[in-house]
Amino acid sequence: RAQTTFCALCGPPIMYRFVFQELLRRGIPQERIFMSLERMMK
């Protein structure tokens, strides 16, 4: 449900691209999509 759904993503960057496309197609607002972008940190 676009107005009540929040999404949290964790996975490889290539997966994000396809998940974003599908979530946006289903009307999920960008503000309700969260992702982990952990990179190798020193």
PDB file of all heavy atoms in Angstrom:
ATOM      1  N   ARG A   1       0.862  -1.175   0.000  1.00  0.00           N
ATOM      2  CA  ARG A   1       0.000   0.000   0.000  1.00  0.00           C
ATOM      3  C   ARG A   1       0.901   1.227   0.000  1.00  0.00           C
ATOM      4  O   ARG A   1       1.626   1.488   0.964  1.00  0.00           O
ATOM      5  CB  ARG A   1      -0.928  -0.033   1.206  1.00  0.00           C
ATOM      6  CG  ARG A   1      -1.948  -1.171   1.106  1.00  0.00           C
ATOM      7  CD  ARG A   1      -2.832  -1.284   2.328  1.00  0.00           C
ATOM      8  NE  ARG A   1      -2.119  -1.646   3.550  1.00  0.00           N
ATOM      9  CZ  ARG A   1      -1.749  -2.888   3.874  1.00  0.00           C
ATOM     10  NH1 ARG A   1      -2.026  -3.884   3.054  1.00  0.00           N
ATOM     11  NH2 ARG A   1      -1.122  -3.126   5.007  1.00  0.00           N
ATOM     12  N   ALA A   2       0.868   1.961  -1.081  1.00  0.00           N
ATOM     13  CA  ALA A   2       1.826   3.040  -1.321  1.00  0.00           C
ATOM     14  C   ALA A   2       1.926   4.048  -0.180  1.00  0.00           C
ATOM     15  O   ALA A   2       3.017   4.516   0.137  1.00  0.00           O
ATOM     16  CB  ALA A   2       1.496   3.757  -2.629  1.00  0.00           C
ATOM     17  N   GLN A   3       0.846   4.388   0.451  1.00  0.00           N
ATOM     18  CA  GLN A   3       0.877   5.435   1.470  1.00  0.00           C
ATOM     19  C   GLN A   3       1.223   4.941   2.869  1.00  0.00           C
ATOM     20  O   GLN A   3       1.415   5.750   3.777  1.00  0.00           O
ATOM     21  CB  GLN A   3      -0.447   6.197   1.484  1.00  0.00           C
ATOM     22  CG  GLN A   3      -0.713   6.921   0.182  1.00  0.00           C
ATOM     23  CD  GLN A   3       0.484   7.771  -0.292  1.00  0.00           C
ATOM     24  OE1 GLN A   3       1.060   8.527   0.474  1.00  0.00           O
ATOM     25  NE2 GLN A   3       0.847   7.610  -1.546  1.00  0.00           N
ATOM     26  N   THR A   4       1.303   3.615   3.065  1.00  0.00           N
ATOM     27  CA  THR A   4       1.628   3.101   4.393  1.00  0.00           C
ATOM     28  C   THR A   4       2.844   2.178   4.407  1.00  0.00           C
ATOM     29  O   THR A   4       3.284   1.773   5.473  1.00  0.00           O
ATOM     30  CB  THR A   4       0.433   2.337   4.989  1.00  0.00           C
ATOM     31  OG1 THR A   4       0.087   1.260   4.110  1.00  0.00           O
ATOM     32  CG2 THR A   4      -0.754   3.256   5.187  1.00  0.00           C
ATOM     33  N   THR A   5       3.375   1.854   3.249  1.00  0.00           N
ATOM     34  CA  THR A   5       4.488   0.919   3.168  1.00  0.00           C
ATOM     35  C   THR A   5       5.819   1.637   3.278  1.00  0.00           C
ATOM     36  O   THR A   5       6.040   2.652   2.620  1.00  0.00           O
ATOM     37  CB  THR A   5       4.437   0.133   1.840  1.00  0.00           C
ATOM     38  OG1 THR A   5       3.238  -0.657   1.824  1.00  0.00           O
ATOM     39  CG2 THR A   5       5.631  -0.774   1.667  1.00  0.00           C
ATOM     40  N   PHE A   6       6.703   1.098   4.109  1.00  0.00           N
ATOM     41  CA  PHE A   6       8.099   1.509   4.181  1.00  0.00           C
ATOM     42  C   PHE A   6       8.935   0.325   3.736  1.00  0.00           C
ATOM     43  O   PHE A   6       8.592  -0.821   4.028  1.00  0.00           O
ATOM     44  CB  PHE A   6       8.501   1.881   5.615  1.00  0.00           C
ATOM     45  CG  PHE A   6       7.982   3.215   6.051  1.00  0.00           C
ATOM     46  CD1 PHE A   6       6.697   3.353   6.526  1.00  0.00           C
ATOM     47  CD2 PHE A   6       8.796   4.330   5.988  1.00  0.00           C
ATOM     48  CE1 PHE A   6       6.215   4.576   6.938  1.00  0.00           C
ATOM     49  CE2 PHE A   6       8.326   5.567   6.401  1.00  0.00           C
ATOM     50  CZ  PHE A   6       7.033   5.694   6.881  1.00  0.00           C
ATOM     51  N   CYS A   7      10.025   0.576   3.040  1.00  0.00           N
ATOM     52  CA  CYS A   7      10.883  -0.492   2.545  1.00  0.00           C
ATOM     53  C   CYS A   7      12.315  -0.269   3.013  1.00  0.00           C
ATOM     54  O   CYS A   7      12.817   0.849   2.950  1.00  0.00           O
ATOM     55  CB  CYS A   7      10.864  -0.533   1.022  1.00  0.00           C
ATOM     56  SG  CYS A   7       9.215  -0.796   0.363  1.00  0.00           S
ATOM     57  N   ALA A   8      12.944  -1.327   3.471  1.00  0.00           N
ATOM     58  CA  ALA A   8      14.347  -1.285   3.885  1.00  0.00           C
ATOM     59  C   ALA A   8      15.094  -2.326   3.068  1.00  0.00           C
ATOM     60  O   ALA A   8      14.702  -3.496   3.046  1.00  0.00           O
ATOM     61  CB  ALA A   8      14.478  -1.580   5.372  1.00  0.00           C
ATOM     62  N   LEU A   9      16.147  -1.901   2.392  1.00  0.00           N
ATOM     63  CA  LEU A   9      16.903  -2.777   1.510  1.00  0.00           C
ATOM     64  C   LEU A   9      18.316  -2.977   2.010  1.00  0.00           C
ATOM     65  O   LEU A   9      18.960  -2.033   2.469  1.00  0.00           O
ATOM     66  CB  LEU A   9      16.995  -2.185   0.103  1.00  0.00           C
ATOM     67  CG  LEU A   9      15.702  -1.737  -0.549  1.00  0.00           C
ATOM     68  CD1 LEU A   9      15.980  -1.065  -1.875  1.00  0.00           C
ATOM     69  CD2 LEU A   9      14.786  -2.910  -0.726  1.00  0.00           C
ATOM     70  N   CYS A  10      18.781  -4.186   1.869  1.00  0.00           N
ATOM     71  CA  CYS A  10      20.173  -4.507   2.172  1.00  0.00           C
ATOM     72  C   CYS A  10      20.578  -5.594   1.202  1.00  0.00           C
ATOM     73  O   CYS A  10      19.927  -6.636   1.118  1.00  0.00           O
ATOM     74  CB  CYS A  10      20.306  -4.990   3.610  1.00  0.00           C
ATOM     75  SG  CYS A  10      22.000  -5.342   4.079  1.00  0.00           S
ATOM     76  N   GLY A  11      21.610  -5.341   0.431  1.00  0.00           N
ATOM     77  CA  GLY A  11      22.042  -6.322  -0.550  1.00  0.00           C
ATOM     78  C   GLY A  11      23.007  -5.710  -1.533  1.00  0.00           C
ATOM     79  O   GLY A  11      23.460  -4.578  -1.352  1.00  0.00           O
ATOM     80  N   PRO A  12      23.288  -6.433  -2.587  1.00  0.00           N
ATOM     81  CA  PRO A  12      24.233  -5.928  -3.573  1.00  0.00           C
ATOM     82  C   PRO A  12      23.639  -4.760  -4.369  1.00  0.00           C
ATOM     83  O   PRO A  12      22.421  -4.730  -4.621  1.00  0.00           O
ATOM     84  CB  PRO A  12      24.492  -7.131  -4.474  1.00  0.00           C
ATOM     85  CG  PRO A  12      23.296  -8.004  -4.307  1.00  0.00           C
ATOM     86  CD  PRO A  12      22.791  -7.769  -2.913  1.00  0.00           C
ATOM     87  N   PRO A  13      24.465  -3.809  -4.751  1.00  0.00           N
ATOM     88  CA  PRO A  13      23.975  -2.628  -5.487  1.00  0.00           C
ATOM     89  C   PRO A  13      23.160  -2.953  -6.738  1.00  0.00           C
ATOM     90  O   PRO A  13      22.177  -2.272  -7.014  1.00  0.00           O
ATOM     91  CB  PRO A  13      25.254  -1.874  -5.842  1.00  0.00           C
ATOM     92  CG  PRO A  13      26.214  -2.255  -4.764  1.00  0.00           C
ATOM     93  CD  PRO A  13      25.890  -3.695  -4.448  1.00  0.00           C
ATOM     94  N   ILE A  14      23.502  -3.999  -7.466  1.00  0.00           N
ATOM     95  CA  ILE A  14      22.753  -4.321  -8.684  1.00  0.00           C
ATOM     96  C   ILE A  14      21.304  -4.677  -8.341  1.00  0.00           C
ATOM     97  O   ILE A  14      20.386  -4.376  -9.089  1.00  0.00           O
ATOM     98  CB  ILE A  14      23.435  -5.446  -9.495  1.00  0.00           C
ATOM     99  CG1 ILE A  14      22.772  -5.619 -10.855  1.00  0.00           C
ATOM    100  CG2 ILE A  14      23.433  -6.756  -8.728  1.00  0.00           C
ATOM    101  CD1 ILE A  14      22.921  -4.460 -11.788  1.00  0.00           C
ATOM    102  N   MET A  15      21.088  -5.283  -7.196  1.00  0.00           N
ATOM    103  CA  MET A  15      19.731  -5.616  -6.772  1.00  0.00           C
ATOM    104  C   MET A  15      18.916  -4.350  -6.540  1.00  0.00           C
ATOM    105  O   MET A  15      17.741  -4.284  -6.887  1.00  0.00           O
ATOM    106  CB  MET A  15      19.772  -6.445  -5.487  1.00  0.00           C
ATOM    107  CG  MET A  15      18.400  -6.793  -4.940  1.00  0.00           C
ATOM    108  SD  MET A  15      18.423  -7.337  -3.222  1.00  0.00           S
ATOM    109  CE  MET A  15      18.581  -5.782  -2.363  1.00  0.00           C
ATOM    110  N   TYR A  16      19.550  -3.334  -5.954  1.00  0.00           N
ATOM    111  CA  TYR A  16      18.845  -2.098  -5.648  1.00  0.00           C
ATOM    112  C   TYR A  16      18.194  -1.505  -6.886  1.00  0.00           C
ATOM    113  O   TYR A  16      17.071  -1.033  -6.843  1.00  0.00           O
ATOM    114  CB  TYR A  16      19.793  -1.064  -5.045  1.00  0.00           C
ATOM    115  CG  TYR A  16      20.230  -1.349  -3.625  1.00  0.00           C
ATOM    116  CD1 TYR A  16      21.139  -0.522  -3.001  1.00  0.00           C
ATOM    117  CD2 TYR A  16      19.748  -2.428  -2.912  1.00  0.00           C
ATOM    118  CE1 TYR A  16      21.554  -0.753  -1.699  1.00  0.00           C
ATOM    119  CE2 TYR A  16      20.151  -2.669  -1.610  1.00  0.00           C
ATOM    120  CZ  TYR A  16      21.053  -1.829  -1.013  1.00  0.00           C
ATOM    121  OH  TYR A  16      21.444  -2.059   0.271  1.00  0.00           O
ATOM    122  N   ARG A  17      18.901  -1.488  -7.977  1.00  0.00           N
ATOM    123  CA  ARG A  17      18.379  -0.871  -9.199  1.00  0.00           C
ATOM    124  C   ARG A  17      17.031  -1.468  -9.587  1.00  0.00           C
ATOM    125  O   ARG A  17      16.078  -0.755  -9.892  1.00  0.00           O
ATOM    126  CB  ARG A  17      19.390  -1.030 -10.334  1.00  0.00           C
ATOM    127  CG  ARG A  17      18.911  -0.403 -11.629  1.00  0.00           C
ATOM    128  CD  ARG A  17      20.002  -0.347 -12.664  1.00  0.00           C
ATOM    129  NE  ARG A  17      21.057   0.539 -12.169  1.00  0.00           N
ATOM    130  CZ  ARG A  17      22.355   0.297 -12.311  1.00  0.00           C
ATOM    131  NH1 ARG A  17      22.759  -0.771 -12.941  1.00  0.00           N
ATOM    132  NH2 ARG A  17      23.243   1.133 -11.849  1.00  0.00           N
ATOM    133  N   PHE A  18      16.925  -2.782  -9.549  1.00  0.00           N
ATOM    134  CA  PHE A  18      15.682  -3.447  -9.948  1.00  0.00           C
ATOM    135  C   PHE A  18      14.589  -3.294  -8.897  1.00  0.00           C
ATOM    136  O   PHE A  18      13.417  -3.138  -9.221  1.00  0.00           O
ATOM    137  CB  PHE A  18      15.953  -4.918 -10.263  1.00  0.00           C
ATOM    138  CG  PHE A  18      16.849  -5.087 -11.446  1.00  0.00           C
ATOM    139  CD1 PHE A  18      18.191  -5.407 -11.286  1.00  0.00           C
ATOM    140  CD2 PHE A  18      16.368  -4.884 -12.727  1.00  0.00           C
ATOM    141  CE1 PHE A  18      19.028  -5.534 -12.377  1.00  0.00           C
ATOM    142  CE2 PHE A  18      17.191  -5.009 -13.831  1.00  0.00           C
ATOM    143  CZ  PHE A  18      18.533  -5.340 -13.656  1.00  0.00           C
ATOM    144  N   VAL A  19      14.978  -3.310  -7.633  1.00  0.00           N
ATOM    145  CA  VAL A  19      13.998  -3.136  -6.558  1.00  0.00           C
ATOM    146  C   VAL A  19      13.433  -1.717  -6.594  1.00  0.00           C
ATOM    147  O   VAL A  19      12.229  -1.517  -6.455  1.00  0.00           O
ATOM    148  CB  VAL A  19      14.615  -3.469  -5.186  1.00  0.00           C
ATOM    149  CG1 VAL A  19      13.663  -3.093  -4.062  1.00  0.00           C
ATOM    150  CG2 VAL A  19      14.960  -4.952  -5.108  1.00  0.00           C
ATOM    151  N   PHE A  20      14.289  -0.714  -6.788  1.00  0.00           N
ATOM    152  CA  PHE A  20      13.802   0.672  -6.886  1.00  0.00           C
ATOM    153  C   PHE A  20      12.792   0.806  -8.008  1.00  0.00           C
ATOM    154  O   PHE A  20      11.741   1.409  -7.835  1.00  0.00           O
ATOM    155  CB  PHE A  20      14.942   1.656  -7.140  1.00  0.00           C
ATOM    156  CG  PHE A  20      15.914   1.782  -6.008  1.00  0.00           C
ATOM    157  CD1 PHE A  20      17.241   2.011  -6.259  1.00  0.00           C
ATOM    158  CD2 PHE A  20      15.500   1.680  -4.696  1.00  0.00           C
ATOM    159  CE1 PHE A  20      18.145   2.134  -5.225  1.00  0.00           C
ATOM    160  CE2 PHE A  20      16.390   1.804  -3.651  1.00  0.00           C
ATOM    161  CZ  PHE A  20      17.729   2.030  -3.919  1.00  0.00           C
ATOM    162  N   GLN A  21      13.104   0.258  -9.169  1.00  0.00           N
ATOM    163  CA  GLN A  21      12.194   0.346 -10.310  1.00  0.00           C
ATOM    164  C   GLN A  21      10.828  -0.225  -9.954  1.00  0.00           C
ATOM    165  O   GLN A  21       9.795   0.369 -10.250  1.00  0.00           O
ATOM    166  CB  GLN A  21      12.769  -0.403 -11.518  1.00  0.00           C
ATOM    167  CG  GLN A  21      13.940   0.274 -12.163  1.00  0.00           C
ATOM    168  CD  GLN A  21      14.568  -0.590 -13.256  1.00  0.00           C
ATOM    169  OE1 GLN A  21      14.131  -1.702 -13.537  1.00  0.00           O
ATOM    170  NE2 GLN A  21      15.615  -0.069 -13.867  1.00  0.00           N
ATOM    171  N   GLU A  22      10.825  -1.381  -9.302  1.00  0.00           N
ATOM    172  CA  GLU A  22       9.557  -2.035  -8.963  1.00  0.00           C
ATOM    173  C   GLU A  22       8.806  -1.271  -7.881  1.00  0.00           C
ATOM    174  O   GLU A  22       7.588  -1.093  -7.969  1.00  0.00           O
ATOM    175  CB  GLU A  22       9.818  -3.477  -8.521  1.00  0.00           C
ATOM    176  CG  GLU A  22       8.576  -4.279  -8.284  1.00  0.00           C
ATOM    177  CD  GLU A  22       7.740  -4.503  -9.532  1.00  0.00           C
ATOM    178  OE1 GLU A  22       8.250  -4.389 -10.658  1.00  0.00           O
ATOM    179  OE2 GLU A  22       6.533  -4.796  -9.367  1.00  0.00           O
ATOM    180  N   LEU A  23       9.508  -0.801  -6.866  1.00  0.00           N
ATOM    181  CA  LEU A  23       8.839  -0.048  -5.803  1.00  0.00           C
ATOM    182  C   LEU A  23       8.236   1.246  -6.332  1.00  0.00           C
ATOM    183  O   LEU A  23       7.097   1.588  -6.008  1.00  0.00           O
ATOM    184  CB  LEU A  23       9.813   0.253  -4.663  1.00  0.00           C
ATOM    185  CG  LEU A  23      10.280  -0.944  -3.846  1.00  0.00           C
ATOM    186  CD1 LEU A  23      11.354  -0.517  -2.860  1.00  0.00           C
ATOM    187  CD2 LEU A  23       9.116  -1.614  -3.138  1.00  0.00           C
ATOM    188  N   LEU A  24       8.985   1.970  -7.141  1.00  0.00           N
ATOM    189  CA  LEU A  24       8.475   3.223  -7.705  1.00  0.00           C
ATOM    190  C   LEU A  24       7.303   2.958  -8.644  1.00  0.00           C
ATOM    191  O   LEU A  24       6.329   3.706  -8.660  1.00  0.00           O
ATOM    192  CB  LEU A  24       9.601   3.973  -8.404  1.00  0.00           C
ATOM    193  CG  LEU A  24      10.736   4.433  -7.483  1.00  0.00           C
ATOM    194  CD1 LEU A  24      11.882   5.025  -8.310  1.00  0.00           C
ATOM    195  CD2 LEU A  24      10.260   5.407  -6.433  1.00  0.00           C
ATOM    196  N   ARG A  25       7.375   1.879  -9.412  1.00  0.00           N
ATOM    197  CA  ARG A  25       6.277   1.501 -10.316  1.00  0.00           C
ATOM    198  C   ARG A  25       5.000   1.234  -9.521  1.00  0.00           C
ATOM    199  O   ARG A  25       3.896   1.529  -9.962  1.00  0.00           O
ATOM    200  CB  ARG A  25       6.668   0.268 -11.129  1.00  0.00           C
ATOM    201  CG  ARG A  25       5.648  -0.111 -12.197  1.00  0.00           C
ATOM    202  CD  ARG A  25       6.053  -1.361 -12.943  1.00  0.00           C
ATOM    203  NE  ARG A  25       5.869  -2.573 -12.175  1.00  0.00           N
ATOM    204  CZ  ARG A  25       4.703  -3.152 -11.907  1.00  0.00           C
ATOM    205  NH1 ARG A  25       3.592  -2.621 -12.335  1.00  0.00           N
ATOM    206  NH2 ARG A  25       4.641  -4.268 -11.215  1.00  0.00           N
ATOM    207  N   ARG A  26       5.158   0.707  -8.319  1.00  0.00           N
ATOM    208  CA  ARG A  26       4.009   0.409  -7.469  1.00  0.00           C
ATOM    209  C   ARG A  26       3.570   1.602  -6.631  1.00  0.00           C
ATOM    210  O   ARG A  26       2.696   1.477  -5.784  1.00  0.00           O
ATOM    211  CB  ARG A  26       4.318  -0.784  -6.575  1.00  0.00           C
ATOM    212  CG  ARG A  26       4.417  -2.071  -7.383  1.00  0.00           C
ATOM    213  CD  ARG A  26       4.864  -3.217  -6.501  1.00  0.00           C
ATOM    214  NE  ARG A  26       4.887  -4.440  -7.258  1.00  0.00           N
ATOM    215  CZ  ARG A  26       3.919  -5.361  -7.232  1.00  0.00           C
ATOM    216  NH1 ARG A  26       2.869  -5.179  -6.473  1.00  0.00           N
ATOM    217  NH2 ARG A  26       4.019  -6.446  -7.955  1.00  0.00           N
ATOM    218  N   GLY A  27       4.199   2.755  -6.824  1.00  0.00           N
ATOM    219  CA  GLY A  27       3.763   3.982  -6.173  1.00  0.00           C
ATOM    220  C   GLY A  27       4.339   4.240  -4.794  1.00  0.00           C
ATOM    221  O   GLY A  27       3.875   5.134  -4.087  1.00  0.00           O
ATOM    222  N   ILE A  28       5.338   3.476  -4.384  1.00  0.00           N
ATOM    223  CA  ILE A  28       5.955   3.715  -3.072  1.00  0.00           C
ATOM    224  C   ILE A  28       6.752   5.017  -3.168  1.00  0.00           C
ATOM    225  O   ILE A  28       7.611   5.164  -4.021  1.00  0.00           O
ATOM    226  CB  ILE A  28       6.897   2.557  -2.663  1.00  0.00           C
ATOM    227  CG1 ILE A  28       6.160   1.212  -2.709  1.00  0.00           C
ATOM    228  CG2 ILE A  28       7.505   2.823  -1.288  1.00  0.00           C
ATOM    229  CD1 ILE A  28       4.990   1.084  -1.784  1.00  0.00           C
ATOM    230  N   PRO A  29       6.492   5.982  -2.291  1.00  0.00           N
ATOM    231  CA  PRO A  29       7.231   7.254  -2.340  1.00  0.00           C
ATOM    232  C   PRO A  29       8.715   7.051  -2.026  1.00  0.00           C
ATOM    233  O   PRO A  29       9.084   6.228  -1.186  1.00  0.00           O
ATOM    234  CB  PRO A  29       6.575   8.096  -1.243  1.00  0.00           C
ATOM    235  CG  PRO A  29       5.249   7.458  -0.977  1.00  0.00           C
ATOM    236  CD  PRO A  29       5.439   5.998  -1.270  1.00  0.00           C
ATOM    237  N   GLN A  30       9.559   7.816  -2.705  1.00  0.00           N
ATOM    238  CA  GLN A  30      11.003   7.721  -2.491  1.00  0.00           C
ATOM    239  C   GLN A  30      11.372   7.933  -1.028  1.00  0.00           C
ATOM    240  O   GLN A  30      12.341   7.358  -0.547  1.00  0.00           O
ATOM    241  CB  GLN A  30      11.740   8.749  -3.346  1.00  0.00           C
ATOM    242  CG  GLN A  30      11.709   8.460  -4.817  1.00  0.00           C
ATOM    243  CD  GLN A  30      12.550   9.455  -5.601  1.00  0.00           C
ATOM    244  OE1 GLN A  30      13.174  10.351  -5.050  1.00  0.00           O
ATOM    245  NE2 GLN A  30      12.558   9.287  -6.907  1.00  0.00           N
ATOM    246  N   GLU A  31      10.621   8.749  -0.324  1.00  0.00           N
ATOM    247  CA  GLU A  31      10.916   9.047   1.078  1.00  0.00           C
ATOM    248  C   GLU A  31      10.683   7.846   1.989  1.00  0.00           C
ATOM    249  O   GLU A  31      11.090   7.857   3.143  1.00  0.00           O
ATOM    250  CB  GLU A  31      10.050  10.213   1.584  1.00  0.00           C
ATOM    251  CG  GLU A  31      10.277  11.505   0.854  1.00  0.00           C
ATOM    252  CD  GLU A  31       9.573  11.554  -0.512  1.00  0.00           C
ATOM    253  OE1 GLU A  31       8.524  10.886  -0.694  1.00  0.00           O
ATOM    254  OE2 GLU A  31      10.103  12.229  -1.398  1.00  0.00           O
ATOM    255  N   ARG A  32      10.007   6.814   1.495  1.00  0.00           N
ATOM    256  CA  ARG A  32       9.697   5.640   2.315  1.00  0.00           C
ATOM    257  C   ARG A  32      10.587   4.447   1.964  1.00  0.00           C
ATOM    258  O   ARG A  32      10.330   3.328   2.393  1.00  0.00           O
ATOM    259  CB  ARG A  32       8.233   5.256   2.147  1.00  0.00           C
ATOM    260  CG  ARG A  32       7.297   6.292   2.750  1.00  0.00           C
ATOM    261  CD  ARG A  32       5.854   5.886   2.517  1.00  0.00           C
ATOM    262  NE  ARG A  32       4.959   6.825   3.156  1.00  0.00           N
ATOM    263  CZ  ARG A  32       4.413   6.618   4.338  1.00  0.00           C
ATOM    264  NH1 ARG A  32       4.669   5.533   5.013  1.00  0.00           N
ATOM    265  NH2 ARG A  32       3.609   7.522   4.856  1.00  0.00           N
ATOM    266  N   ILE A  33      11.615   4.692   1.160  1.00  0.00           N
ATOM    267  CA  ILE A  33      12.542   3.633   0.776  1.00  0.00           C
ATOM    268  C   ILE A  33      13.893   3.935   1.422  1.00  0.00           C
ATOM    269  O   ILE A  33      14.467   5.002   1.201  1.00  0.00           O
ATOM    270  CB  ILE A  33      12.693   3.542  -0.750  1.00  0.00           C
ATOM    271  CG1 ILE A  33      11.328   3.321  -1.424  1.00  0.00           C
ATOM    272  CG2 ILE A  33      13.673   2.432  -1.119  1.00  0.00           C
ATOM    273  CD1 ILE A  33      11.356   3.450  -2.934  1.00  0.00           C
ATOM    274  N   PHE A  34      14.382   3.002   2.208  1.00  0.00           N
ATOM    275  CA  PHE A  34      15.662   3.150   2.887  1.00  0.00           C
ATOM    276  C   PHE A  34      16.596   2.040   2.432  1.00  0.00           C
ATOM    277  O   PHE A  34      16.161   0.924   2.176  1.00  0.00           O
ATOM    278  CB  PHE A  34      15.477   3.069   4.408  1.00  0.00           C
ATOM    279  CG  PHE A  34      14.662   4.194   4.953  1.00  0.00           C
ATOM    280  CD1 PHE A  34      13.281   4.135   4.955  1.00  0.00           C
ATOM    281  CD2 PHE A  34      15.279   5.326   5.448  1.00  0.00           C
ATOM    282  CE1 PHE A  34      12.521   5.181   5.451  1.00  0.00           C
ATOM    283  CE2 PHE A  34      14.528   6.378   5.946  1.00  0.00           C
ATOM    284  CZ  PHE A  34      13.142   6.303   5.946  1.00  0.00           C
ATOM    285  N   MET A  35      17.880   2.356   2.348  1.00  0.00           N
ATOM    286  CA  MET A  35      18.846   1.362   1.906  1.00  0.00           C
ATOM    287  C   MET A  35      20.143   1.486   2.670  1.00  0.00           C
ATOM    288  O   MET A  35      20.512   2.573   3.117  1.00  0.00           O
ATOM    289  CB  MET A  35      19.118   1.506   0.426  1.00  0.00           C
ATOM    290  CG  MET A  35      19.933   2.744   0.106  1.00  0.00           C
ATOM    291  SD  MET A  35      19.859   3.182  -1.593  1.00  0.00           S
ATOM    292  CE  MET A  35      18.426   4.207  -1.530  1.00  0.00           C
ATOM    293  N   SER A  36      20.803   0.382   2.812  1.00  0.00           N
ATOM    294  CA  SER A  36      22.126   0.362   3.425  1.00  0.00           C
ATOM    295  C   SER A  36      23.153   0.445   2.304  1.00  0.00           C
ATOM    296  O   SER A  36      23.130  -0.355   1.375  1.00  0.00           O
ATOM    297  CB  SER A  36      22.322  -0.927   4.217  1.00  0.00           C
ATOM    298  OG  SER A  36      23.644  -0.993   4.704  1.00  0.00           O
ATOM    299  N   LEU A  37      24.036   1.425   2.400  1.00  0.00           N
ATOM    300  CA  LEU A  37      25.096   1.585   1.398  1.00  0.00           C
ATOM    301  C   LEU A  37      26.464   1.419   2.048  1.00  0.00           C
ATOM    302  O   LEU A  37      27.364   2.227   1.861  1.00  0.00           O
ATOM    303  CB  LEU A  37      25.001   2.965   0.729  1.00  0.00           C
ATOM    304  CG  LEU A  37      23.811   3.171  -0.172  1.00  0.00           C
ATOM    305  CD1 LEU A  37      23.849   4.556  -0.791  1.00  0.00           C
ATOM    306  CD2 LEU A  37      23.764   2.115  -1.270  1.00  0.00           C
ATOM    307  N   GLU A  38      26.599   0.380   2.808  1.00  0.00           N
ATOM    308  CA  GLU A  38      27.883   0.143   3.457  1.00  0.00           C
ATOM    309  C   GLU A  38      28.958  -0.063   2.403  1.00  0.00           C
ATOM    310  O   GLU A  38      28.796  -0.814   1.473  1.00  0.00           O
ATOM    311  CB  GLU A  38      27.794  -1.082   4.352  1.00  0.00           C
ATOM    312  CG  GLU A  38      26.879  -0.865   5.528  1.00  0.00           C
ATOM    313  CD  GLU A  38      26.825  -2.064   6.436  1.00  0.00           C
ATOM    314  OE1 GLU A  38      27.889  -2.554   6.832  1.00  0.00           O
ATOM    315  OE2 GLU A  38      25.705  -2.489   6.724  1.00  0.00           O
ATOM    316  N   ARG A  39      30.006   0.623   2.561  1.00  0.00           N
ATOM    317  CA  ARG A  39      31.175   0.464   1.705  1.00  0.00           C
ATOM    318  C   ARG A  39      32.347   0.107   2.605  1.00  0.00           C
ATOM    319  O   ARG A  39      32.302   0.267   3.824  1.00  0.00           O
ATOM    320  CB  ARG A  39      31.491   1.759   0.954  1.00  0.00           C
ATOM    321  CG  ARG A  39      30.398   2.213   0.019  1.00  0.00           C
ATOM    322  CD  ARG A  39      30.313   1.278  -1.186  1.00  0.00           C
ATOM    323  NE  ARG A  39      29.618   1.893  -2.286  1.00  0.00           N
ATOM    324  CZ  ARG A  39      28.365   1.679  -2.608  1.00  0.00           C
ATOM    325  NH1 ARG A  39      27.629   0.899  -1.890  1.00  0.00           N
ATOM    326  NH2 ARG A  39      27.823   2.254  -3.648  1.00  0.00           N
ATOM    327  N   MET A  40      33.384  -0.363   2.025  1.00  0.00           N
ATOM    328  CA  MET A  40      34.565  -0.701   2.812  1.00  0.00           C
ATOM    329  C   MET A  40      35.074   0.563   3.505  1.00  0.00           C
ATOM    330  O   MET A  40      35.490   1.509   2.864  1.00  0.00           O
ATOM    331  CB  MET A  40      35.636  -1.265   1.891  1.00  0.00           C
ATOM    332  CG  MET A  40      36.622  -2.075   2.594  1.00  0.00           C
ATOM    333  SD  MET A  40      36.940  -3.490   1.566  1.00  0.00           S
ATOM    334  CE  MET A  40      38.489  -3.933   2.246  1.00  0.00           C
ATOM    335  N   MET A  41      34.981   0.566   4.790  1.00  0.00           N
ATOM    336  CA  MET A  41      35.365   1.740   5.563  1.00  0.00           C
ATOM    337  C   MET A  41      36.688   1.481   6.268  1.00  0.00           C
ATOM    338  O   MET A  41      36.941   0.383   6.733  1.00  0.00           O
ATOM    339  CB  MET A  41      34.284   2.074   6.583  1.00  0.00           C
ATOM    340  CG  MET A  41      32.981   2.498   5.958  1.00  0.00           C
ATOM    341  SD  MET A  41      31.771   2.937   7.209  1.00  0.00           S
ATOM    342  CE  MET A  41      30.448   1.828   6.774  1.00  0.00           C
ATOM    343  N   LYS A  42      37.496   2.521   6.326  1.00  0.00           N
ATOM    344  CA  LYS A  42      38.771   2.403   7.035  1.00  0.00           C
ATOM    345  C   LYS A  42      38.757   3.227   8.310  1.00  0.00           C
ATOM    346  O   LYS A  42      38.815   2.692   9.395  1.00  0.00           O
ATOM    347  CB  LYS A  42      39.922   2.831   6.133  1.00  0.00           C
ATOM    348  CG  LYS A  42      40.207   1.836   5.034  1.00  0.00           C
ATOM    349  CD  LYS A  42      41.471   2.193   4.297  1.00  0.00           C
ATOM    350  CE  LYS A  42      41.751   1.135   3.244  1.00  0.00           C
ATOM    351  NZ  LYS A  42      43.012   1.342   2.587  1.00  0.00           N
TER     352      LYS A  42
END
